[in-house]
C-alpha atoms as a PDB file:
ATOM      1  CA  MET A   1       3.852  26.000  22.778  1.00  0.00           C
ATOM      2  CA  PRO A   2       3.414  25.332  26.412  1.00  0.00           C
ATOM      3  CA  GLY A   3       5.431  22.542  27.828  1.00  0.00           C
ATOM      4  CA  MET A   4       7.803  20.330  25.740  1.00  0.00           C
ATOM      5  CA  ASP A   5       8.452  21.917  22.508  1.00  0.00           C
ATOM      6  CA  MET A   6       8.297  18.931  20.156  1.00  0.00           C
ATOM      7  CA  SER A   7       7.896  21.023  17.061  1.00  0.00           C
ATOM      8  CA  SER A   8      11.023  20.995  14.687  1.00  0.00           C
ATOM      9  CA  GLY A   9       9.988  24.503  13.321  1.00  0.00           C
ATOM     10  CA  GLY A  10      12.807  26.319  15.114  1.00  0.00           C
ATOM     11  CA  GLY A  11      10.390  29.671  14.857  1.00  0.00           C
ATOM     12  CA  SER A  12       9.592  28.798  11.176  1.00  0.00           C
ATOM     13  CA  ALA A  13       5.829  28.111  10.271  1.00  0.00           C
ATOM     14  CA  VAL A  14       6.596  25.761   7.405  1.00  0.00           C
ATOM     15  CA  PRO A  15       7.840  22.900   9.404  1.00  0.00           C
ATOM     16  CA  VAL A  16       4.960  23.208  11.854  1.00  0.00           C
ATOM     17  CA  LEU A  17       2.667  23.153   9.012  1.00  0.00           C
ATOM     18  CA  ALA A  18       4.254  20.200   7.493  1.00  0.00           C
ATOM     19  CA  GLU A  19       3.952  18.275  10.768  1.00  0.00           C
ATOM     20  CA  LEU A  20       0.195  19.379  11.149  1.00  0.00           C
ATOM     21  CA  ALA A  21      -0.480  18.044   7.278  1.00  0.00           C
ATOM     22  CA  LEU A  22       1.441  14.761   8.163  1.00  0.00           C
ATOM     23  CA  PHE A  23      -0.386  13.965  11.494  1.00  0.00           C
ATOM     24  CA  TRP A  24      -3.815  15.219  10.317  1.00  0.00           C
ATOM     25  CA  THR A  25      -3.623  13.053   7.157  1.00  0.00           C
ATOM     26  CA  ALA A  26      -2.472   9.830   9.304  1.00  0.00           C
ATOM     27  CA  THR A  27      -5.607  10.333  11.343  1.00  0.00           C
ATOM     28  CA  LEU A  28      -7.900  10.931   8.417  1.00  0.00           C
ATOM     29  CA  VAL A  29      -6.873   7.996   6.343  1.00  0.00           C
ATOM     30  CA  HIS A  30      -7.412   5.767   9.561  1.00  0.00           C
ATOM     31  CA  VAL A  31     -10.976   7.357  10.251  1.00  0.00           C
ATOM     32  CA  LEU A  32     -11.672   6.579   6.421  1.00  0.00           C
ATOM     33  CA  ARG A  33     -10.871   2.930   7.079  1.00  0.00           C
ATOM     34  CA  LEU A  34     -12.923   2.821   9.930  1.00  0.00           C
ATOM     35  CA  LEU A  35     -15.839   4.331   7.716  1.00  0.00           C
ATOM     36  CA  SER A  36     -14.994   2.333   4.592  1.00  0.00           C
ATOM     37  CA  PRO A  37     -17.992   0.420   3.296  1.00  0.00           C
ATOM     38  CA  THR A  38     -15.585  -1.691   1.316  1.00  0.00           C
ATOM     39  CA  ARG A  39     -14.175  -4.893   3.325  1.00  0.00           C
ATOM     40  CA  LEU A  40     -10.466  -4.146   3.384  1.00  0.00           C
ATOM     41  CA  PRO A  41      -8.050  -7.186   3.428  1.00  0.00           C
ATOM     42  CA  ASP A  42      -6.246  -6.488   6.696  1.00  0.00           C
ATOM     43  CA  THR A  43      -9.001  -4.328   8.945  1.00  0.00           C
ATOM     44  CA  ASP A  44      -8.593  -4.327  12.442  1.00  0.00           C
ATOM     45  CA  ARG A  45     -10.907  -1.654  13.937  1.00  0.00           C
ATOM     46  CA  PRO A  46      -8.841  -1.340  17.354  1.00  0.00           C
ATOM     47  CA  THR A  47      -5.584  -0.939  15.300  1.00  0.00           C
ATOM     48  CA  ASP A  48      -7.290   1.885  13.154  1.00  0.00           C
ATOM     49  CA  ALA A  49      -8.865   3.438  16.080  1.00  0.00           C
ATOM     50  CA  GLY A  50      -5.580   3.668  17.685  1.00  0.00           C
ATOM     51  CA  HIS A  51      -3.803   5.093  14.832  1.00  0.00           C
ATOM     52  CA  ALA A  52      -6.185   7.682  14.444  1.00  0.00           C
ATOM     53  CA  LEU A  53      -6.260   8.589  18.065  1.00  0.00           C
ATOM     54  CA  MET A  54      -2.358   8.893  17.964  1.00  0.00           C
ATOM     55  CA  GLY A  55      -2.645  10.948  14.795  1.00  0.00           C
ATOM     56  CA  ALA A  56      -5.128  13.429  16.501  1.00  0.00           C
ATOM     57  CA  GLY A  57      -2.895  13.583  19.596  1.00  0.00           C
ATOM     58  CA  MET A  58       0.040  14.672  17.400  1.00  0.00           C
ATOM     59  CA  THR A  59      -1.956  17.066  15.883  1.00  0.00           C
ATOM     60  CA  LEU A  60      -2.859  18.485  19.128  1.00  0.00           C
ATOM     61  CA  MET A  61       0.610  18.778  20.272  1.00  0.00           C
ATOM     62  CA  VAL A  62       1.915  20.804  17.664  1.00  0.00           C
ATOM     63  CA  PHE A  63      -1.044  22.838  16.963  1.00  0.00           C
ATOM     64  CA  PRO A  64      -0.032  26.479  17.921  1.00  0.00           C
ATOM     65  CA  GLY A  65      -1.567  27.956  21.079  1.00  0.00           C
ATOM     66  CA  VAL A  66      -2.810  24.846  23.004  1.00  0.00           C
ATOM     67  CA  SER A  67      -2.839  25.355  26.641  1.00  0.00           C
ATOM     68  CA  THR A  68      -1.000  23.534  29.050  1.00  0.00           C
ATOM     69  CA  THR A  69      -3.954  22.322  30.772  1.00  0.00           C
ATOM     70  CA  THR A  70      -5.551  20.935  27.522  1.00  0.00           C
ATOM     71  CA  LEU A  71      -2.171  18.916  26.752  1.00  0.00           C
ATOM     72  CA  HIS A  72      -2.079  17.573  30.511  1.00  0.00           C
ATOM     73  CA  VAL A  73      -5.555  16.424  30.390  1.00  0.00           C
ATOM     74  CA  ALA A  74      -4.720  14.739  26.809  1.00  0.00           C
ATOM     75  CA  ALA A  75      -1.798  13.084  28.439  1.00  0.00           C
ATOM     76  CA  VAL A  76      -3.792  11.191  31.178  1.00  0.00           C
ATOM     77  CA  ALA A  77      -6.275  10.362  28.424  1.00  0.00           C
ATOM     78  CA  TYR A  78      -3.611   8.880  26.410  1.00  0.00           C
ATOM     79  CA  ALA A  79      -1.929   7.032  29.397  1.00  0.00           C
ATOM     80  CA  ALA A  80      -5.387   5.366  30.173  1.00  0.00           C
ATOM     81  CA  MET A  81      -5.664   4.233  26.648  1.00  0.00           C
ATOM     82  CA  ALA A  82      -2.184   3.062  26.610  1.00  0.00           C
ATOM     83  CA  VAL A  83      -3.183   0.648  29.539  1.00  0.00           C
ATOM     84  CA  LEU A  84      -6.265  -0.402  27.663  1.00  0.00           C
ATOM     85  CA  TYR A  85      -4.135  -1.388  24.566  1.00  0.00           C
ATOM     86  CA  ILE A  86      -1.374  -3.121  26.488  1.00  0.00           C
ATOM     87  CA  ALA A  87      -4.032  -5.169  28.514  1.00  0.00           C
ATOM     88  CA  ARG A  88      -5.938  -5.930  25.119  1.00  0.00           C
ATOM     89  CA  ALA A  89      -2.658  -7.445  23.827  1.00  0.00           C
ATOM     90  CA  THR A  90      -1.506  -9.358  26.863  1.00  0.00           C
ATOM     91  CA  LEU A  91      -4.887 -10.680  28.023  1.00  0.00           C
ATOM     92  CA  ARG A  92      -7.078 -11.169  25.021  1.00  0.00           C
ATOM     93  CA  ARG A  93      -6.744 -14.291  22.822  1.00  0.00           C
ATOM     94  CA  SER A  94      -6.346 -13.020  19.487  1.00  0.00           C
ATOM     95  CA  PRO A  95      -3.858 -13.534  16.226  1.00  0.00           C
ATOM     96  CA  ALA A  96      -0.257 -12.762  17.295  1.00  0.00           C
ATOM     97  CA  GLN A  97      -0.205  -9.906  14.776  1.00  0.00           C
ATOM     98  CA  HIS A  98      -3.002  -8.138  16.372  1.00  0.00           C
ATOM     99  CA  ARG A  99      -1.339  -8.708  19.653  1.00  0.00           C
ATOM    100  CA  GLY A 100       1.748  -7.279  18.302  1.00  0.00           C
ATOM    101  CA  GLN A 101       0.332  -4.230  16.782  1.00  0.00           C
ATOM    102  CA  HIS A 102      -2.059  -3.486  20.058  1.00  0.00           C
ATOM    103  CA  ALA A 103       1.100  -3.591  22.187  1.00  0.00           C
ATOM    104  CA  ALA A 104       2.955  -1.374  19.676  1.00  0.00           C
ATOM    105  CA  ILE A 105      -0.119   0.943  19.752  1.00  0.00           C
ATOM    106  CA  GLY A 106      -0.092   0.872  23.566  1.00  0.00           C
ATOM    107  CA  ALA A 107       3.399   1.669  23.716  1.00  0.00           C
ATOM    108  CA  GLY A 108       2.962   4.446  21.489  1.00  0.00           C
ATOM    109  CA  GLN A 109      -0.052   6.097  23.285  1.00  0.00           C
ATOM    110  CA  ALA A 110       2.322   5.803  26.425  1.00  0.00           C
ATOM    111  CA  ALA A 111       4.836   7.763  24.717  1.00  0.00           C
ATOM    112  CA  MET A 112       2.278   9.971  23.557  1.00  0.00           C
ATOM    113  CA  ALA A 113       1.338  10.642  27.172  1.00  0.00           C
ATOM    114  CA  TYR A 114       4.965  11.397  28.006  1.00  0.00           C
ATOM    115  CA  MET A 115       5.216  13.960  25.243  1.00  0.00           C
ATOM    116  CA  LEU A 116       2.052  15.804  25.951  1.00  0.00           C
ATOM    117  CA  ALA A 117       2.858  15.893  29.849  1.00  0.00           C
ATOM    118  CA  ALA A 118       6.026  17.691  28.814  1.00  0.00           C
ATOM    119  CA  PRO A 119       8.027  16.988  31.959  1.00  0.00           C
ATOM    120  CA  THR A 120      10.570  19.540  32.765  1.00  0.00           C
ATOM    121  CA  HIS A 121      14.185  18.826  32.483  1.00  0.00           C
ATOM    122  CA  PRO A 122      13.762  14.858  32.600  1.00  0.00           C
ATOM    123  CA  PRO A 123      17.011  12.804  32.761  1.00  0.00           C
ATOM    124  CA  ALA A 124      18.694  12.282  29.407  1.00  0.00           C
ATOM    125  CA  TRP A 125      17.778   8.613  29.514  1.00  0.00           C
ATOM    126  CA  VAL A 126      14.248   9.192  29.619  1.00  0.00           C
ATOM    127  CA  PRO A 127      13.624  10.840  26.356  1.00  0.00           C
ATOM    128  CA  LEU A 128      16.277   8.571  24.769  1.00  0.00           C
ATOM    129  CA  SER A 129      14.213   5.430  26.263  1.00  0.00           C
ATOM    130  CA  VAL A 130      11.161   6.867  24.768  1.00  0.00           C
ATOM    131  CA  ALA A 131      12.515   7.220  21.286  1.00  0.00           C
ATOM    132  CA  ALA A 132      13.993   3.736  21.494  1.00  0.00           C
ATOM    133  CA  VAL A 133      10.312   2.169  22.396  1.00  0.00           C
ATOM    134  CA  LEU A 134       9.121   4.102  19.377  1.00  0.00           C
ATOM    135  CA  ALA A 135      11.481   2.863  17.086  1.00  0.00           C
ATOM    136  CA  GLY A 136      10.705  -0.468  18.256  1.00  0.00           C
ATOM    137  CA  CYS A 137       7.038   0.515  17.425  1.00  0.00           C
ATOM    138  CA  ALA A 138       8.105   1.691  13.986  1.00  0.00           C
ATOM    139  CA  VAL A 139       9.439  -1.922  13.339  1.00  0.00           C
ATOM    140  CA  VAL A 140       6.158  -3.630  14.192  1.00  0.00           C
ATOM    141  CA  HIS A 141       4.134  -1.246  11.948  1.00  0.00           C
ATOM    142  CA  GLY A 142       6.928  -1.662   9.055  1.00  0.00           C
ATOM    143  CA  ARG A 143       6.317  -5.372   9.298  1.00  0.00           C
ATOM    144  CA  ARG A 144       2.491  -4.589   8.836  1.00  0.00           C
ATOM    145  CA  LEU A 145       3.117  -2.370   5.807  1.00  0.00           C
ATOM    146  CA  VAL A 146       5.312  -5.279   4.073  1.00  0.00           C
ATOM    147  CA  ASP A 147       2.454  -7.861   4.940  1.00  0.00           C
ATOM    148  CA  ALA A 148      -0.144  -5.472   3.374  1.00  0.00           C
ATOM    149  CA  ARG A 149       1.974  -4.800   0.481  1.00  0.00           C
ATOM    150  CA  HIS A 150       2.337  -8.656  -0.238  1.00  0.00           C
ATOM    151  CA  GLY A 151      -1.280  -9.344   0.782  1.00  0.00           C
ATOM    152  CA  HIS A 152      -0.344 -11.488   3.754  1.00  0.00           C
ATOM    153  CA  GLY A 153      -1.860  -9.005   6.267  1.00  0.00           C
ATOM    154  CA  HIS A 154      -4.240 -10.505   8.918  1.00  0.00           C
ATOM    155  CA  GLY A 155      -7.720 -10.543   8.025  1.00  0.00           C
ATOM    156  CA  ALA A 156      -6.988 -11.172   4.386  1.00  0.00           C
ATOM    157  CA  VAL A 157      -9.974 -11.843   2.394  1.00  0.00           C
ATOM    158  CA  SER A 158     -10.578 -15.490   1.295  1.00  0.00           C
ATOM    159  CA  LEU A 159     -11.747 -16.089  -2.216  1.00  0.00           C
ATOM    160  CA  GLY A 160     -13.746 -19.095  -1.055  1.00  0.00           C
ATOM    161  CA  SER A 161     -16.272 -19.822  -3.893  1.00  0.00           C
ATOM    162  CA  ALA A 162     -16.721 -16.321  -4.832  1.00  0.00           C
ATOM    163  CA  GLY A 163     -13.343 -16.840  -6.869  1.00  0.00           C
ATOM    164  CA  VAL A 164     -12.575 -13.864  -9.513  1.00  0.00           C
ATOM    165  CA  ALA A 165     -15.660 -11.877  -7.997  1.00  0.00           C
ATOM    166  CA  GLY A 166     -13.585 -12.100  -4.440  1.00  0.00           C
ATOM    167  CA  MET A 167     -10.541 -10.748  -5.983  1.00  0.00           C
ATOM    168  CA  ASP A 168     -12.411  -8.050  -7.736  1.00  0.00           C
ATOM    169  CA  GLY A 169     -13.857  -7.096  -4.280  1.00  0.00           C
ATOM    170  CA  VAL A 170     -10.193  -6.764  -2.846  1.00  0.00           C
ATOM    171  CA  ALA A 171      -9.078  -5.126  -6.039  1.00  0.00           C
ATOM    172  CA  SER A 172     -11.896  -2.646  -5.855  1.00  0.00           C
ATOM    173  CA  ALA A 173     -10.984  -1.478  -2.187  1.00  0.00           C
ATOM    174  CA  PRO A 174      -9.070   2.038  -2.463  1.00  0.00           C
ATOM    175  CA  ARG A 175      -5.441   1.213  -2.603  1.00  0.00           C
ATOM    176  CA  MET A 176      -5.230   4.544  -0.487  1.00  0.00           C
ATOM    177  CA  LEU A 177      -6.960   2.972   2.393  1.00  0.00           C
ATOM    178  CA  VAL A 178      -5.077  -0.230   1.973  1.00  0.00           C
ATOM    179  CA  ILE A 179      -1.195   0.620   1.860  1.00  0.00           C
ATOM    180  CA  VAL A 180      -1.257   4.580   2.917  1.00  0.00           C
ATOM    181  CA  PRO A 181      -2.448   4.083   6.597  1.00  0.00           C
ATOM    182  CA  HIS A 182       0.268   1.824   7.157  1.00  0.00           C
ATOM    183  CA  ILE A 183       2.976   4.052   5.797  1.00  0.00           C
ATOM    184  CA  GLY A 184       1.310   6.786   7.587  1.00  0.00           C
ATOM    185  CA  ALA A 185       1.600   5.057  10.860  1.00  0.00           C
ATOM    186  CA  LEU A 186       5.352   4.201  10.257  1.00  0.00           C
ATOM    187  CA  VAL A 187       6.234   7.601   9.135  1.00  0.00           C
ATOM    188  CA  MET A 188       4.151   9.267  12.113  1.00  0.00           C
ATOM    189  CA  THR A 189       5.986   6.718  14.633  1.00  0.00           C
ATOM    190  CA  LEU A 190       9.518   7.534  13.283  1.00  0.00           C
ATOM    191  CA  VAL A 191       8.817  11.450  13.036  1.00  0.00           C
ATOM    192  CA  MET A 192       7.536  11.087  16.841  1.00  0.00           C
ATOM    193  CA  ALA A 193      10.859   9.205  17.801  1.00  0.00           C
ATOM    194  CA  VAL A 194      13.152  11.772  16.182  1.00  0.00           C
ATOM    195  CA  MET A 195      11.040  14.477  17.789  1.00  0.00           C
ATOM    196  CA  VAL A 196      11.264  13.154  21.467  1.00  0.00           C
ATOM    197  CA  GLY A 197      14.751  12.107  20.942  1.00  0.00           C
ATOM    198  CA  ASN A 198      16.039  15.846  20.174  1.00  0.00           C
ATOM    199  CA  VAL A 199      14.354  17.286  23.038  1.00  0.00           C
END
């Protein structure tokens, strides 16, 4: 692969296929959340869109045969998205959990831009710093996973006068679209941290 070799394959196709499966699955579950006709208890469309874009970027990066030009163009796009998400986190009045997620996604997209740009022989502290930032993002995603598992995620559905019917509505939401995306975001961020830290 051109540029920075982020694949852990070491010449073997199996790890590369595993990475492609992980990143594409992470992308797909967030796209499904965006398209879900069922109101999920913790939906935030900008957050899900950000995670879907992160998964797509990682898929692009580990996909064999992608040109250096394509990766560099993608790096510019992710840098621009990082600025937008960080600005959204700092300038908009929104719940603290939304701001934390948007800041983590912005930081993750900045890390993605660095990984796609594939700088030649960067100082050792640069990839280690990027890995540390991604580890911090993983903490934010892990907290959101815990909240989702305990039903305390932001945007939780209120039962109100709907009573049991409201509870049934939440229960009918596919569990895959409530829990799995958060697991995917956490695992993907940790894998990114390991990949960039080992370069």
